[in-house]
Amino acid sequence: MSVAKIIEISSESPKSFEDAVVQGIARASKTLHGIKSAWVAEQHVVVEDGKVAMYRVDLKVTFVMD
């Protein structure tokens, strides 16, 4: 039997929403083992001088507990 846990993390990237997701999962993988999925709960942008300066995502990450 396995038990999974869901945590929420935020990640950002100056490139794109997709890159923010990739960076968030990469960072979470350094301390969490057994990541099985992630759900993008929210997407936000930071605007500076009328242009998008940063892409932010809030992720719900599911991992299997040891």
PDB file of N, CA and C in Angstrom:
ATOM      1  N   MET A   1       0.844  -1.173   0.000  1.00  0.00           N
ATOM      2  CA  MET A   1       0.000   0.000   0.000  1.00  0.00           C
ATOM      3  C   MET A   1       0.891   1.239   0.000  1.00  0.00           C
ATOM      4  N   SER A   2       0.489   2.252  -0.719  1.00  0.00           N
ATOM      5  CA  SER A   2       1.236   3.509  -0.710  1.00  0.00           C
ATOM      6  C   SER A   2       0.323   4.648  -0.269  1.00  0.00           C
ATOM      7  N   VAL A   3       0.957   5.646   0.299  1.00  0.00           N
ATOM      8  CA  VAL A   3       0.242   6.829   0.756  1.00  0.00           C
ATOM      9  C   VAL A   3       0.881   8.035   0.076  1.00  0.00           C
ATOM     10  N   ALA A   4       0.062   8.900  -0.479  1.00  0.00           N
ATOM     11  CA  ALA A   4       0.557  10.095  -1.160  1.00  0.00           C
ATOM     12  C   ALA A   4       0.184  11.342  -0.373  1.00  0.00           C
ATOM     13  N   LYS A   5       0.988  12.359  -0.555  1.00  0.00           N
ATOM     14  CA  LYS A   5       0.743  13.643   0.081  1.00  0.00           C
ATOM     15  C   LYS A   5       0.756  14.719  -0.988  1.00  0.00           C
ATOM     16  N   ILE A   6      -0.006  15.772  -0.783  1.00  0.00           N
ATOM     17  CA  ILE A   6      -0.046  16.902  -1.711  1.00  0.00           C
ATOM     18  C   ILE A   6       0.430  18.140  -0.971  1.00  0.00           C
ATOM     19  N   ILE A   7       1.395  18.848  -1.576  1.00  0.00           N
ATOM     20  CA  ILE A   7       1.861  20.115  -1.020  1.00  0.00           C
ATOM     21  C   ILE A   7       1.679  21.202  -2.061  1.00  0.00           C
ATOM     22  N   GLU A   8       1.661  22.436  -1.614  1.00  0.00           N
ATOM     23  CA  GLU A   8       1.556  23.566  -2.531  1.00  0.00           C
ATOM     24  C   GLU A   8       2.882  24.320  -2.554  1.00  0.00           C
ATOM     25  N   ILE A   9       3.343  24.631  -3.755  1.00  0.00           N
ATOM     26  CA  ILE A   9       4.549  25.439  -3.918  1.00  0.00           C
ATOM     27  C   ILE A   9       4.290  26.529  -4.947  1.00  0.00           C
ATOM     28  N   SER A  10       5.086  27.571  -4.892  1.00  0.00           N
ATOM     29  CA  SER A  10       5.040  28.640  -5.891  1.00  0.00           C
ATOM     30  C   SER A  10       6.388  28.699  -6.578  1.00  0.00           C
ATOM     31  N   SER A  11       6.370  28.993  -7.861  1.00  0.00           N
ATOM     32  CA  SER A  11       7.600  29.088  -8.639  1.00  0.00           C
ATOM     33  C   SER A  11       7.444  30.212  -9.655  1.00  0.00           C
ATOM     34  N   GLU A  12       8.580  30.793 -10.041  1.00  0.00           N
ATOM     35  CA  GLU A  12       8.511  31.871 -11.021  1.00  0.00           C
ATOM     36  C   GLU A  12       9.649  31.777 -12.023  1.00  0.00           C
ATOM     37  N   SER A  13       9.433  32.396 -13.172  1.00  0.00           N
ATOM     38  CA  SER A  13      10.422  32.413 -14.245  1.00  0.00           C
ATOM     39  C   SER A  13      10.224  33.676 -15.078  1.00  0.00           C
ATOM     40  N   PRO A  14      11.308  34.248 -15.561  1.00  0.00           N
ATOM     41  CA  PRO A  14      11.166  35.400 -16.457  1.00  0.00           C
ATOM     42  C   PRO A  14      10.835  34.974 -17.886  1.00  0.00           C
ATOM     43  N   LYS A  15      10.892  33.654 -18.180  1.00  0.00           N
ATOM     44  CA  LYS A  15      10.706  33.159 -19.546  1.00  0.00           C
ATOM     45  C   LYS A  15       9.254  32.843 -19.894  1.00  0.00           C
ATOM     46  N   SER A  16       8.603  31.963 -19.087  1.00  0.00           N
ATOM     47  CA  SER A  16       7.257  31.503 -19.438  1.00  0.00           C
ATOM     48  C   SER A  16       6.623  30.762 -18.269  1.00  0.00           C
ATOM     49  N   PHE A  17       5.312  30.517 -18.383  1.00  0.00           N
ATOM     50  CA  PHE A  17       4.625  29.690 -17.387  1.00  0.00           C
ATOM     51  C   PHE A  17       5.205  28.279 -17.387  1.00  0.00           C
ATOM     52  N   GLU A  18       5.458  27.748 -18.583  1.00  0.00           N
ATOM     53  CA  GLU A  18       6.004  26.390 -18.679  1.00  0.00           C
ATOM     54  C   GLU A  18       7.347  26.293 -17.965  1.00  0.00           C
ATOM     55  N   ASP A  19       8.199  27.279 -18.152  1.00  0.00           N
ATOM     56  CA  ASP A  19       9.499  27.264 -17.484  1.00  0.00           C
ATOM     57  C   ASP A  19       9.336  27.381 -15.973  1.00  0.00           C
ATOM     58  N   ALA A  20       8.366  28.152 -15.523  1.00  0.00           N
ATOM     59  CA  ALA A  20       8.104  28.261 -14.083  1.00  0.00           C
ATOM     60  C   ALA A  20       7.709  26.899 -13.510  1.00  0.00           C
ATOM     61  N   VAL A  21       6.897  26.137 -14.244  1.00  0.00           N
ATOM     62  CA  VAL A  21       6.509  24.796 -13.806  1.00  0.00           C
ATOM     63  C   VAL A  21       7.735  23.884 -13.759  1.00  0.00           C
ATOM     64  N   VAL A  22       8.529  23.892 -14.821  1.00  0.00           N
ATOM     65  CA  VAL A  22       9.724  23.044 -14.894  1.00  0.00           C
ATOM     66  C   VAL A  22      10.682  23.372 -13.750  1.00  0.00           C
ATOM     67  N   GLN A  23      10.912  24.653 -13.499  1.00  0.00           N
ATOM     68  CA  GLN A  23      11.814  25.063 -12.429  1.00  0.00           C
ATOM     69  C   GLN A  23      11.268  24.670 -11.053  1.00  0.00           C
ATOM     70  N   GLY A  24       9.977  24.807 -10.874  1.00  0.00           N
ATOM     71  CA  GLY A  24       9.360  24.439  -9.601  1.00  0.00           C
ATOM     72  C   GLY A  24       9.488  22.954  -9.305  1.00  0.00           C
ATOM     73  N   ILE A  25       9.225  22.124 -10.310  1.00  0.00           N
ATOM     74  CA  ILE A  25       9.342  20.677 -10.130  1.00  0.00           C
ATOM     75  C   ILE A  25      10.795  20.281  -9.914  1.00  0.00           C
ATOM     76  N   ALA A  26      11.711  20.898 -10.653  1.00  0.00           N
ATOM     77  CA  ALA A  26      13.136  20.594 -10.488  1.00  0.00           C
ATOM     78  C   ALA A  26      13.590  20.907  -9.065  1.00  0.00           C
ATOM     79  N   ARG A  27      13.168  22.043  -8.550  1.00  0.00           N
ATOM     80  CA  ARG A  27      13.564  22.428  -7.184  1.00  0.00           C
ATOM     81  C   ARG A  27      12.917  21.517  -6.156  1.00  0.00           C
ATOM     82  N   ALA A  28      11.640  21.220  -6.316  1.00  0.00           N
ATOM     83  CA  ALA A  28      10.951  20.334  -5.369  1.00  0.00           C
ATOM     84  C   ALA A  28      11.580  18.951  -5.351  1.00  0.00           C
ATOM     85  N   SER A  29      12.075  18.497  -6.497  1.00  0.00           N
ATOM     86  CA  SER A  29      12.693  17.169  -6.603  1.00  0.00           C
ATOM     87  C   SER A  29      13.981  17.048  -5.798  1.00  0.00           C
ATOM     88  N   LYS A  30      14.571  18.168  -5.432  1.00  0.00           N
ATOM     89  CA  LYS A  30      15.792  18.118  -4.634  1.00  0.00           C
ATOM     90  C   LYS A  30      15.526  17.665  -3.201  1.00  0.00           C
ATOM     91  N   THR A  31      14.320  17.922  -2.701  1.00  0.00           N
ATOM     92  CA  THR A  31      14.014  17.552  -1.317  1.00  0.00           C
ATOM     93  C   THR A  31      12.856  16.572  -1.192  1.00  0.00           C
ATOM     94  N   LEU A  32      12.054  16.435  -2.229  1.00  0.00           N
ATOM     95  CA  LEU A  32      10.941  15.486  -2.210  1.00  0.00           C
ATOM     96  C   LEU A  32      11.258  14.312  -3.124  1.00  0.00           C
ATOM     97  N   HIS A  33      10.955  13.120  -2.661  1.00  0.00           N
ATOM     98  CA  HIS A  33      11.183  11.926  -3.466  1.00  0.00           C
ATOM     99  C   HIS A  33       9.836  11.331  -3.853  1.00  0.00           C
ATOM    100  N   GLY A  34       9.781  10.713  -5.002  1.00  0.00           N
ATOM    101  CA  GLY A  34       8.554  10.042  -5.426  1.00  0.00           C
ATOM    102  C   GLY A  34       7.473  10.973  -5.941  1.00  0.00           C
ATOM    103  N   ILE A  35       7.867  12.106  -6.545  1.00  0.00           N
ATOM    104  CA  ILE A  35       6.872  13.017  -7.121  1.00  0.00           C
ATOM    105  C   ILE A  35       6.182  12.299  -8.272  1.00  0.00           C
ATOM    106  N   LYS A  36       4.852  12.292  -8.235  1.00  0.00           N
ATOM    107  CA  LYS A  36       4.065  11.594  -9.250  1.00  0.00           C
ATOM    108  C   LYS A  36       3.330  12.530 -10.196  1.00  0.00           C
ATOM    109  N   SER A  37       2.949  13.705  -9.704  1.00  0.00           N
ATOM    110  CA  SER A  37       2.198  14.625 -10.564  1.00  0.00           C
ATOM    111  C   SER A  37       2.214  16.022  -9.956  1.00  0.00           C
ATOM    112  N   ALA A  38       1.804  16.980 -10.766  1.00  0.00           N
ATOM    113  CA  ALA A  38       1.645  18.360 -10.296  1.00  0.00           C
ATOM    114  C   ALA A  38       0.471  18.974 -11.044  1.00  0.00           C
ATOM    115  N   TRP A  39      -0.281  19.775 -10.347  1.00  0.00           N
ATOM    116  CA  TRP A  39      -1.437  20.447 -10.909  1.00  0.00           C
ATOM    117  C   TRP A  39      -1.209  21.948 -10.790  1.00  0.00           C
ATOM    118  N   VAL A  40      -1.339  22.668 -11.888  1.00  0.00           N
ATOM    119  CA  VAL A  40      -1.195  24.126 -11.869  1.00  0.00           C
ATOM    120  C   VAL A  40      -2.505  24.713 -11.351  1.00  0.00           C
ATOM    121  N   ALA A  41      -2.450  25.200 -10.128  1.00  0.00           N
ATOM    122  CA  ALA A  41      -3.661  25.729  -9.493  1.00  0.00           C
ATOM    123  C   ALA A  41      -3.928  27.178  -9.905  1.00  0.00           C
ATOM    124  N   GLU A  42      -2.864  27.965 -10.046  1.00  0.00           N
ATOM    125  CA  GLU A  42      -3.001  29.386 -10.386  1.00  0.00           C
ATOM    126  C   GLU A  42      -1.847  29.810 -11.283  1.00  0.00           C
ATOM    127  N   GLN A  43      -2.094  30.809 -12.104  1.00  0.00           N
ATOM    128  CA  GLN A  43      -1.059  31.441 -12.903  1.00  0.00           C
ATOM    129  C   GLN A  43      -1.171  32.950 -12.716  1.00  0.00           C
ATOM    130  N   HIS A  44      -0.029  33.609 -12.540  1.00  0.00           N
ATOM    131  CA  HIS A  44      -0.002  35.055 -12.350  1.00  0.00           C
ATOM    132  C   HIS A  44       1.158  35.633 -13.155  1.00  0.00           C
ATOM    133  N   VAL A  45       1.068  36.882 -13.478  1.00  0.00           N
ATOM    134  CA  VAL A  45       2.201  37.582 -14.076  1.00  0.00           C
ATOM    135  C   VAL A  45       2.496  38.838 -13.277  1.00  0.00           C
ATOM    136  N   VAL A  46       3.756  39.219 -13.280  1.00  0.00           N
ATOM    137  CA  VAL A  46       4.185  40.478 -12.694  1.00  0.00           C
ATOM    138  C   VAL A  46       4.441  41.419 -13.861  1.00  0.00           C
ATOM    139  N   VAL A  47       3.840  42.597 -13.822  1.00  0.00           N
ATOM    140  CA  VAL A  47       3.970  43.562 -14.905  1.00  0.00           C
ATOM    141  C   VAL A  47       4.822  44.736 -14.429  1.00  0.00           C
ATOM    142  N   GLU A  48       5.826  45.064 -15.238  1.00  0.00           N
ATOM    143  CA  GLU A  48       6.675  46.231 -14.965  1.00  0.00           C
ATOM    144  C   GLU A  48       6.781  47.055 -16.238  1.00  0.00           C
ATOM    145  N   ASP A  49       6.514  48.334 -16.134  1.00  0.00           N
ATOM    146  CA  ASP A  49       6.582  49.252 -17.282  1.00  0.00           C
ATOM    147  C   ASP A  49       5.726  48.779 -18.451  1.00  0.00           C
ATOM    148  N   GLY A  50       4.553  48.222 -18.137  1.00  0.00           N
ATOM    149  CA  GLY A  50       3.632  47.791 -19.180  1.00  0.00           C
ATOM    150  C   GLY A  50       3.992  46.489 -19.865  1.00  0.00           C
ATOM    151  N   LYS A  51       4.988  45.765 -19.340  1.00  0.00           N
ATOM    152  CA  LYS A  51       5.409  44.501 -19.945  1.00  0.00           C
ATOM    153  C   LYS A  51       5.443  43.404 -18.882  1.00  0.00           C
ATOM    154  N   VAL A  52       5.232  42.166 -19.330  1.00  0.00           N
ATOM    155  CA  VAL A  52       5.312  41.035 -18.406  1.00  0.00           C
ATOM    156  C   VAL A  52       6.769  40.839 -18.016  1.00  0.00           C
ATOM    157  N   ALA A  53       7.039  40.911 -16.716  1.00  0.00           N
ATOM    158  CA  ALA A  53       8.409  40.774 -16.220  1.00  0.00           C
ATOM    159  C   ALA A  53       8.657  39.399 -15.605  1.00  0.00           C
ATOM    160  N   MET A  54       7.599  38.760 -15.089  1.00  0.00           N
ATOM    161  CA  MET A  54       7.775  37.484 -14.413  1.00  0.00           C
ATOM    162  C   MET A  54       6.495  36.666 -14.513  1.00  0.00           C
ATOM    163  N   TYR A  55       6.670  35.374 -14.742  1.00  0.00           N
ATOM    164  CA  TYR A  55       5.554  34.426 -14.780  1.00  0.00           C
ATOM    165  C   TYR A  55       5.586  33.618 -13.494  1.00  0.00           C
ATOM    166  N   ARG A  56       4.461  33.534 -12.799  1.00  0.00           N
ATOM    167  CA  ARG A  56       4.391  32.787 -11.547  1.00  0.00           C
ATOM    168  C   ARG A  56       3.307  31.725 -11.631  1.00  0.00           C
ATOM    169  N   VAL A  57       3.601  30.581 -11.034  1.00  0.00           N
ATOM    170  CA  VAL A  57       2.610  29.500 -10.949  1.00  0.00           C
ATOM    171  C   VAL A  57       2.540  29.004  -9.514  1.00  0.00           C
ATOM    172  N   ASP A  58       1.345  28.627  -9.109  1.00  0.00           N
ATOM    173  CA  ASP A  58       1.127  27.926  -7.849  1.00  0.00           C
ATOM    174  C   ASP A  58       0.821  26.488  -8.220  1.00  0.00           C
ATOM    175  N   LEU A  59       1.638  25.565  -7.700  1.00  0.00           N
ATOM    176  CA  LEU A  59       1.515  24.152  -8.043  1.00  0.00           C
ATOM    177  C   LEU A  59       1.068  23.335  -6.838  1.00  0.00           C
ATOM    178  N   LYS A  60       0.262  22.341  -7.092  1.00  0.00           N
ATOM    179  CA  LYS A  60      -0.058  21.316  -6.108  1.00  0.00           C
ATOM    180  C   LYS A  60       0.696  20.068  -6.544  1.00  0.00           C
ATOM    181  N   VAL A  61       1.668  19.687  -5.746  1.00  0.00           N
ATOM    182  CA  VAL A  61       2.576  18.591  -6.097  1.00  0.00           C
ATOM    183  C   VAL A  61       2.206  17.350  -5.290  1.00  0.00           C
ATOM    184  N   THR A  62       2.018  16.232  -5.981  1.00  0.00           N
ATOM    185  CA  THR A  62       1.690  14.967  -5.334  1.00  0.00           C
ATOM    186  C   THR A  62       2.909  14.072  -5.320  1.00  0.00           C
ATOM    187  N   PHE A  63       3.220  13.529  -4.140  1.00  0.00           N
ATOM    188  CA  PHE A  63       4.349  12.601  -4.040  1.00  0.00           C
ATOM    189  C   PHE A  63       3.987  11.459  -3.101  1.00  0.00           C
ATOM    190  N   VAL A  64       4.633  10.309  -3.334  1.00  0.00           N
ATOM    191  CA  VAL A  64       4.403   9.132  -2.504  1.00  0.00           C
ATOM    192  C   VAL A  64       5.327   9.210  -1.307  1.00  0.00           C
ATOM    193  N   MET A  65       4.757   9.020  -0.137  1.00  0.00           N
ATOM    194  CA  MET A  65       5.542   9.083   1.096  1.00  0.00           C
ATOM    195  C   MET A  65       6.369   7.810   1.272  1.00  0.00           C
ATOM    196  N   ASP A  66       7.581   7.984   1.836  1.00  0.00           N
ATOM    197  CA  ASP A  66       8.464   6.846   2.102  1.00  0.00           C
ATOM    198  C   ASP A  66       7.869   5.969   3.199  1.00  0.00           C
TER     199      ASP A  66
END
